[in-house]
Amino acid sequence: MSTGNPRRAAQAIDALRHGWPIRLAGADGVLTLLNPETGFESGNTTAPRLLISAARAATLKLANQRDAAVPDAPVLIRAAEPFTLSLARDLSDPSQDLAHPLAGPFRAEPIEAGEAAKAAMTLARLAGLLPCFLVDPSPADGAVECDVADLAAFQDPHRLTIQARAHLPTAAAEACEIVAFRAPDDLREHVALIVGAQRSDRTPLVRLHSECLTGDVLTSLKCDCGPQLDAALHAMAEEAARGGYGVLLYLRQEGRGIGLINKLRAYRLQDQGFDTVDANNRLGLPTEARDFPVAARMLDLMGIPAIRLMTNNPAKVEALAAVGVTVTERVPHQLPANPHNARYLDTKRDRTGHLL
């Protein structure tokens, strides 16, 4: 476990959401940062440099495609004049490029505080913000202190514990139990739904489902999340009727870990012609940002040593195995496409290895 202070990381995430500056330390240096998306004007705030993602730097012709292969890697840039919050906001959001033509010229500079810069990209994603920061903004009064070890401690899955559980009859099956999990300082509350009676002599049918407000609640046709969730619950109900049981892990990781607003920005980019992978990457966000160690911790807390995983993605099996989950079987979970998500599913098949 990390020796950092997770509370300081939580305070830094909260500061970013409120538009307050943070001072982020790593082994190789310290950065004072302000995210322009939420940053508020205070005495005509400006900064000499801007920290952006490698993917955004490639769009600005400041990084080659090889450098941008890790889209969320940090790049430090400078312009002829200091960056204002308004300019930084325009530069940070690629979904608005058609409305705000790119200014310049800019030049990339070496990053001395590399650990802090990389951690800043993660903090922005955890806050649901675009990975862009004014560096050494003026003014920067009251900057919240945090370091790389604090972030590691905040992300430690061992901090997750069971907080509550109760009987929850559902439309798919009446014999269900809901289990809620929470970690100190983290606002996200993950849940598991156990369908049927848990028993030690059967390996459960398990589905990892990342929260999808648009698909799960608003019945969006742009993805297959809602139908997959419904079909998984009914498959688990059938499993329970045969004497087994199922477990749905509902992970509070909207947009596969990029947040709701960034997911909607990705949708806007898809409307402009980018596929789902390129849209995420163009935002400077990773293709895969889900927290599989959290899923492993949930299973461990419920005393489930092995699972039969409902997924079309072999990489998910590998990711769970890497964090200690025994997957005895991959159970296909494919549903028909519709005219609105056909390209999305084709991209999952062709670019992220889904077996569709």
Protein backbone atom coordinates (compact mmCIF):
# COMPACT_ATOMS: atom_id res chain seq x y z
CA MET A 1 0.00 0.00 0.00
CA SER A 2 1.08 3.57 -0.63
CA THR A 3 2.45 5.73 2.17
CA GLY A 4 0.88 8.88 0.72
CA ASN A 5 -2.08 10.78 2.14
CA PRO A 6 -5.21 9.99 0.10
CA ARG A 7 -7.08 12.90 1.65
CA ARG A 8 -4.72 15.37 -0.03
CA ALA A 9 -5.42 13.79 -3.43
CA ALA A 10 -9.17 14.01 -2.76
CA GLN A 11 -8.73 17.68 -1.86
CA ALA A 12 -6.77 18.25 -5.08
CA ILE A 13 -9.54 16.64 -7.15
CA ASP A 14 -12.10 18.78 -5.34
CA ALA A 15 -9.97 21.88 -5.98
CA LEU A 16 -9.85 21.12 -9.70
CA ARG A 17 -13.62 20.74 -9.86
CA HIS A 18 -14.02 24.09 -8.10
CA GLY A 19 -11.54 25.89 -10.29
CA TRP A 20 -8.86 26.35 -7.64
CA PRO A 21 -5.11 25.94 -8.27
CA ILE A 22 -3.14 22.94 -7.04
CA ARG A 23 0.55 22.49 -6.28
CA LEU A 24 1.57 19.00 -7.34
CA ALA A 25 4.91 17.50 -6.31
CA GLY A 26 6.86 14.55 -7.67
CA ALA A 27 10.35 13.20 -7.09
CA ASP A 28 11.71 15.37 -9.90
CA GLY A 29 9.95 18.67 -9.24
CA VAL A 30 6.83 20.65 -8.40
CA LEU A 31 4.16 22.18 -10.65
CA THR A 32 1.58 24.82 -9.75
CA LEU A 33 -1.43 24.19 -11.97
CA LEU A 34 -4.87 25.59 -12.78
CA ASN A 35 -7.35 23.75 -14.98
CA PRO A 36 -8.87 26.26 -17.44
CA GLU A 37 -12.13 24.37 -17.79
CA THR A 38 -13.24 25.28 -14.26
CA GLY A 39 -10.71 27.99 -13.41
CA PHE A 40 -12.35 31.31 -12.70
CA GLU A 41 -11.04 34.73 -13.67
CA SER A 42 -9.13 36.26 -10.78
CA GLY A 43 -7.17 39.37 -11.55
CA ASN A 44 -6.84 38.51 -15.25
CA THR A 45 -5.22 35.14 -14.65
CA THR A 46 -2.40 34.27 -17.06
CA ALA A 47 0.38 31.71 -17.26
CA PRO A 48 3.59 31.51 -19.32
CA ARG A 49 3.13 27.83 -20.18
CA LEU A 50 0.39 25.28 -20.73
CA LEU A 51 0.42 21.57 -19.93
CA ILE A 52 -1.57 19.57 -22.50
CA SER A 53 -1.84 15.97 -23.67
CA ALA A 54 0.36 14.40 -26.34
CA ALA A 55 -2.72 13.86 -28.49
CA ARG A 56 -3.58 17.55 -28.30
CA ALA A 57 0.03 18.46 -29.01
CA ALA A 58 -0.10 16.32 -32.17
CA THR A 59 -3.17 18.27 -33.33
CA LEU A 60 -1.19 21.47 -32.74
CA LYS A 61 1.70 19.98 -34.78
CA LEU A 62 3.94 19.95 -31.69
CA ALA A 63 4.34 16.16 -31.38
CA ASN A 64 4.68 13.40 -33.91
CA GLN A 65 2.34 10.43 -34.10
CA ARG A 66 4.83 8.19 -32.28
CA ASP A 67 4.91 10.57 -29.31
CA ALA A 68 1.10 10.77 -29.36
CA ALA A 69 0.77 6.97 -29.21
CA VAL A 70 0.17 7.53 -25.49
CA PRO A 71 -2.57 10.15 -25.90
CA ASP A 72 -2.70 11.16 -22.24
CA ALA A 73 1.07 11.71 -21.87
CA PRO A 74 1.88 15.30 -20.83
CA VAL A 75 3.41 17.92 -23.13
CA LEU A 76 4.50 21.40 -22.02
CA ILE A 77 4.01 24.27 -24.47
CA ARG A 78 4.73 28.00 -24.62
CA ALA A 79 3.34 30.75 -26.85
CA ALA A 80 4.61 34.20 -27.82
CA GLU A 81 2.26 35.74 -25.26
CA PRO A 82 1.10 34.38 -21.87
CA PHE A 83 -1.90 32.06 -21.92
CA THR A 84 -5.17 33.48 -20.64
CA LEU A 85 -7.93 31.31 -19.24
CA SER A 86 -10.04 32.06 -22.29
CA LEU A 87 -7.33 30.99 -24.75
CA ALA A 88 -6.52 27.91 -22.69
CA ARG A 89 -10.18 26.89 -22.69
CA ASP A 90 -10.34 27.17 -26.47
CA LEU A 91 -7.15 25.14 -26.83
CA SER A 92 -8.19 22.41 -24.39
CA ASP A 93 -11.38 21.17 -26.07
CA PRO A 94 -10.98 19.56 -29.52
CA SER A 95 -14.73 19.13 -29.86
CA GLN A 96 -14.88 22.92 -30.27
CA ASP A 97 -12.13 23.20 -32.89
CA LEU A 98 -14.60 23.94 -35.68
CA ALA A 99 -15.97 26.87 -33.67
CA HIS A 100 -12.58 28.12 -32.45
CA PRO A 101 -9.81 27.81 -35.08
CA LEU A 102 -6.47 26.97 -33.49
CA ALA A 103 -4.23 29.92 -32.69
CA GLY A 104 -0.46 29.91 -32.41
CA PRO A 105 2.38 29.57 -32.96
CA PHE A 106 3.36 27.36 -30.02
CA ARG A 107 6.52 25.50 -29.16
CA ALA A 108 7.05 22.47 -26.95
CA GLU A 109 9.47 22.62 -24.03
CA PRO A 110 11.14 19.92 -21.88
CA ILE A 111 9.22 18.91 -18.76
CA GLU A 112 11.43 18.93 -15.69
CA ALA A 113 8.75 17.81 -13.24
CA GLY A 114 7.73 14.75 -15.26
CA GLU A 115 6.19 12.76 -12.42
CA ALA A 116 3.96 15.64 -11.40
CA ALA A 117 2.97 16.34 -15.01
CA LYS A 118 1.91 12.73 -15.55
CA ALA A 119 -0.03 12.68 -12.28
CA ALA A 120 -1.79 15.89 -13.30
CA MET A 121 -3.24 14.13 -16.35
CA THR A 122 -4.69 11.44 -14.06
CA LEU A 123 -6.06 13.98 -11.59
CA ALA A 124 -7.84 15.81 -14.40
CA ARG A 125 -9.47 12.58 -15.59
CA LEU A 126 -10.55 11.65 -12.05
CA ALA A 127 -12.08 15.11 -11.75
CA GLY A 128 -13.91 14.61 -15.07
CA LEU A 129 -12.00 17.47 -16.71
CA LEU A 130 -9.97 17.82 -19.88
CA PRO A 131 -6.23 17.23 -19.41
CA CYS A 132 -5.06 20.83 -19.71
CA PHE A 133 -3.42 23.12 -17.14
CA LEU A 134 -2.04 26.60 -16.91
CA VAL A 135 1.43 26.16 -15.43
CA ASP A 136 2.57 28.67 -12.79
CA PRO A 137 -0.58 30.77 -13.15
CA SER A 138 -0.69 34.23 -11.69
CA PRO A 139 -2.32 34.69 -9.29
CA ALA A 140 -2.28 31.25 -7.64
CA ASP A 141 -3.26 32.05 -4.09
CA GLY A 142 -4.32 29.20 -1.84
CA ALA A 143 -3.05 26.39 -4.08
CA VAL A 144 -3.98 22.97 -2.67
CA GLU A 145 -0.92 20.83 -1.95
CA CYS A 146 -0.66 17.25 -3.27
CA ASP A 147 2.03 14.86 -4.39
CA VAL A 148 2.34 11.75 -6.51
CA ALA A 149 2.33 9.44 -3.48
CA ASP A 150 -0.97 10.96 -2.34
CA LEU A 151 -2.54 10.08 -5.70
CA ALA A 152 -1.26 6.51 -5.49
CA ALA A 153 -2.77 6.18 -2.01
CA PHE A 154 -6.10 7.57 -3.22
CA GLN A 155 -6.22 4.97 -6.00
CA ASP A 156 -5.30 2.05 -3.71
CA PRO A 157 -8.19 -0.46 -4.09
CA HIS A 158 -7.57 -1.87 -0.61
CA ARG A 159 -9.26 1.23 0.81
CA LEU A 160 -12.58 0.02 -0.63
CA THR A 161 -14.90 -1.65 1.90
CA ILE A 162 -18.47 -2.93 2.02
CA GLN A 163 -20.74 -0.22 3.45
CA ALA A 164 -24.23 -1.69 3.18
CA ARG A 165 -26.19 -4.60 1.73
CA ALA A 166 -29.89 -5.34 1.35
CA HIS A 167 -32.43 -7.50 -0.46
CA LEU A 168 -33.40 -5.90 -3.79
CA PRO A 169 -36.01 -7.64 -5.95
CA THR A 170 -35.57 -6.70 -9.62
CA ALA A 171 -37.53 -7.16 -12.82
CA ALA A 172 -35.10 -9.87 -13.89
CA ALA A 173 -35.18 -11.81 -10.61
CA GLU A 174 -36.74 -11.25 -7.20
CA ALA A 175 -34.01 -13.07 -5.26
CA CYS A 176 -31.30 -10.40 -5.49
CA GLU A 177 -29.03 -8.74 -2.97
CA ILE A 178 -27.37 -5.38 -3.54
CA VAL A 179 -23.98 -4.69 -1.94
CA ALA A 180 -22.58 -1.15 -1.80
CA PHE A 181 -18.88 -0.31 -1.62
CA ARG A 182 -17.08 2.92 -0.80
CA ALA A 183 -13.56 4.13 -0.08
CA PRO A 184 -12.72 7.01 2.28
CA ASP A 185 -12.33 10.36 0.50
CA ASP A 186 -13.76 8.98 -2.78
CA LEU A 187 -17.25 10.14 -3.75
CA ARG A 188 -17.86 7.19 -6.08
CA GLU A 189 -20.01 4.38 -4.67
CA HIS A 190 -19.73 1.09 -6.57
CA VAL A 191 -22.35 -1.62 -6.21
CA ALA A 192 -22.69 -5.33 -6.83
CA LEU A 193 -25.98 -7.10 -7.48
CA ILE A 194 -25.95 -10.77 -6.49
CA VAL A 195 -28.64 -12.59 -8.46
CA GLY A 196 -29.68 -15.80 -6.74
CA ALA A 197 -28.11 -17.34 -3.65
CA GLN A 198 -24.31 -17.11 -3.39
CA ARG A 199 -22.76 -20.54 -2.89
CA SER A 200 -19.20 -21.83 -2.65
CA ASP A 201 -19.67 -24.87 -4.91
CA ARG A 202 -20.62 -22.85 -8.02
CA THR A 203 -18.57 -20.36 -10.03
CA PRO A 204 -20.77 -17.31 -10.62
CA LEU A 205 -21.65 -15.73 -13.93
CA VAL A 206 -20.20 -12.22 -13.64
CA ARG A 207 -20.58 -9.06 -15.67
CA LEU A 208 -18.47 -5.91 -15.17
CA HIS A 209 -20.60 -2.96 -16.22
CA SER A 210 -19.29 0.60 -16.22
CA GLU A 211 -21.90 3.23 -15.41
CA CYS A 212 -23.51 4.68 -18.55
CA LEU A 213 -26.13 7.33 -17.82
CA THR A 214 -27.01 7.78 -21.48
CA GLY A 215 -27.37 4.07 -22.18
CA ASP A 216 -28.55 2.63 -18.85
CA VAL A 217 -31.05 5.37 -17.96
CA LEU A 218 -31.78 7.44 -21.08
CA THR A 219 -31.91 4.41 -23.44
CA SER A 220 -29.32 5.84 -25.84
CA LEU A 221 -28.90 3.99 -29.12
CA LYS A 222 -25.31 5.24 -29.62
CA CYS A 223 -23.93 2.36 -27.52
CA ASP A 224 -25.07 -1.09 -26.45
CA CYS A 225 -24.74 -0.51 -22.69
CA GLY A 226 -28.42 -0.53 -21.77
CA PRO A 227 -29.32 -3.70 -23.68
CA GLN A 228 -26.15 -5.41 -22.40
CA LEU A 229 -27.05 -4.58 -18.81
CA ASP A 230 -30.60 -5.88 -19.23
CA ALA A 231 -29.49 -9.05 -21.04
CA ALA A 232 -26.83 -9.76 -18.40
CA LEU A 233 -29.35 -9.57 -15.57
CA HIS A 234 -31.72 -11.93 -17.36
CA ALA A 235 -28.88 -14.36 -18.09
CA MET A 236 -27.97 -14.32 -14.40
CA ALA A 237 -31.60 -14.95 -13.49
CA GLU A 238 -31.57 -18.02 -15.73
CA GLU A 239 -28.32 -19.12 -14.09
CA ALA A 240 -29.94 -18.78 -10.67
CA ALA A 241 -32.94 -20.82 -11.83
CA ARG A 242 -30.49 -23.64 -12.65
CA GLY A 243 -29.01 -23.60 -9.16
CA GLY A 244 -26.13 -21.19 -9.79
CA TYR A 245 -25.91 -17.46 -9.28
CA GLY A 246 -24.73 -14.30 -10.97
CA VAL A 247 -22.98 -11.11 -9.91
CA LEU A 248 -23.24 -7.76 -11.66
CA LEU A 249 -20.46 -5.35 -10.72
CA TYR A 250 -21.77 -1.86 -11.47
CA LEU A 251 -18.71 0.38 -11.52
CA ARG A 252 -19.06 4.15 -11.19
CA GLN A 253 -16.73 4.78 -14.12
CA GLU A 254 -18.83 6.74 -16.59
CA GLY A 255 -17.50 6.63 -20.13
CA ARG A 256 -15.04 3.86 -19.24
CA GLY A 257 -13.44 6.14 -16.70
CA ILE A 258 -13.40 9.50 -18.52
CA GLY A 259 -16.54 11.03 -17.00
CA LEU A 260 -19.91 12.05 -18.38
CA ILE A 261 -18.99 15.46 -19.82
CA ASN A 262 -15.89 14.13 -21.56
CA LYS A 263 -17.98 11.26 -22.94
CA LEU A 264 -20.40 13.79 -24.44
CA ARG A 265 -17.45 15.66 -25.93
CA ALA A 266 -16.36 12.36 -27.49
CA TYR A 267 -19.89 11.99 -28.90
CA ARG A 268 -19.57 15.42 -30.49
CA LEU A 269 -16.29 14.36 -32.10
CA GLN A 270 -18.00 11.20 -33.36
CA ASP A 271 -20.62 13.43 -34.95
CA GLN A 272 -17.72 15.13 -36.74
CA GLY A 273 -16.54 11.80 -38.17
CA PHE A 274 -14.13 10.34 -35.59
CA ASP A 275 -14.66 6.81 -34.30
CA THR A 276 -14.97 6.14 -30.56
CA VAL A 277 -11.25 5.36 -30.07
CA ASP A 278 -10.00 8.39 -31.99
CA ALA A 279 -12.54 10.62 -30.24
CA ASN A 280 -11.28 9.62 -26.78
CA ASN A 281 -7.67 9.93 -27.83
CA ARG A 282 -8.21 13.29 -29.48
CA LEU A 283 -9.48 14.54 -26.13
CA GLY A 284 -6.17 13.41 -24.63
CA LEU A 285 -7.83 10.56 -22.77
CA PRO A 286 -6.88 6.88 -22.78
CA THR A 287 -8.91 4.34 -24.74
CA GLU A 288 -9.19 2.23 -21.59
CA ALA A 289 -9.40 3.99 -18.23
CA ARG A 290 -11.46 1.54 -16.20
CA ASP A 291 -10.23 0.60 -12.74
CA PHE A 292 -10.01 -3.19 -12.80
CA PRO A 293 -8.30 -3.42 -9.38
CA VAL A 294 -11.53 -2.00 -7.89
CA ALA A 295 -13.50 -4.85 -9.48
CA ALA A 296 -11.01 -7.37 -8.10
CA ARG A 297 -11.33 -5.85 -4.64
CA MET A 298 -15.14 -6.05 -4.77
CA LEU A 299 -15.01 -9.74 -5.67
CA ASP A 300 -12.49 -10.41 -2.91
CA LEU A 301 -14.62 -8.65 -0.30
CA MET A 302 -17.61 -10.80 -1.31
CA GLY A 303 -15.53 -13.97 -1.05
CA ILE A 304 -15.65 -14.84 -4.75
CA PRO A 305 -12.34 -16.45 -5.81
CA ALA A 306 -13.20 -17.31 -9.42
CA ILE A 307 -15.69 -16.15 -12.03
CA ARG A 308 -17.21 -16.93 -15.40
CA LEU A 309 -16.96 -13.58 -17.13
CA MET A 310 -19.59 -12.27 -19.52
CA THR A 311 -17.62 -10.27 -22.08
CA ASN A 312 -16.72 -10.06 -25.76
CA ASN A 313 -13.36 -8.51 -24.92
CA PRO A 314 -10.42 -10.88 -24.30
CA ALA A 315 -8.40 -7.90 -23.03
CA LYS A 316 -10.81 -7.61 -20.11
CA VAL A 317 -10.07 -11.22 -19.17
CA GLU A 318 -6.34 -10.43 -19.28
CA ALA A 319 -6.76 -7.24 -17.25
CA LEU A 320 -8.65 -9.07 -14.50
CA ALA A 321 -6.13 -11.92 -14.48
CA ALA A 322 -3.36 -9.34 -14.06
CA VAL A 323 -4.95 -8.12 -10.81
CA GLY A 324 -5.47 -11.61 -9.41
CA VAL A 325 -8.96 -12.60 -10.58
CA THR A 326 -9.34 -16.18 -11.78
CA VAL A 327 -11.49 -16.24 -14.90
CA THR A 328 -12.46 -19.86 -15.58
CA GLU A 329 -14.53 -19.10 -18.68
CA ARG A 330 -15.25 -16.21 -21.04
CA VAL A 331 -18.98 -16.20 -21.78
CA PRO A 332 -19.87 -14.32 -25.03
CA HIS A 333 -22.32 -11.47 -24.56
CA GLN A 334 -23.16 -10.17 -28.02
CA LEU A 335 -26.34 -8.33 -28.94
CA PRO A 336 -27.66 -7.14 -32.32
CA ALA A 337 -26.50 -3.76 -33.61
CA ASN A 338 -28.79 -0.89 -34.51
CA PRO A 339 -28.24 1.83 -37.14
CA HIS A 340 -26.91 4.23 -34.49
CA ASN A 341 -24.32 1.97 -32.83
CA ALA A 342 -23.18 -0.20 -35.75
CA ARG A 343 -20.02 1.87 -36.30
CA TYR A 344 -19.32 1.87 -32.57
CA LEU A 345 -19.48 -1.92 -32.47
CA ASP A 346 -17.36 -2.22 -35.62
CA THR A 347 -14.72 -0.04 -33.94
CA LYS A 348 -14.76 -2.25 -30.84
CA ARG A 349 -14.22 -5.27 -33.09
CA ASP A 350 -11.57 -3.75 -35.37
CA ARG A 351 -9.60 -1.56 -32.96
CA THR A 352 -10.01 -2.89 -29.43
CA GLY A 353 -10.12 -6.62 -30.10
CA HIS A 354 -13.72 -7.40 -29.21
CA LEU A 355 -14.96 -10.72 -30.60
CA LEU A 356 -18.04 -9.54 -32.45
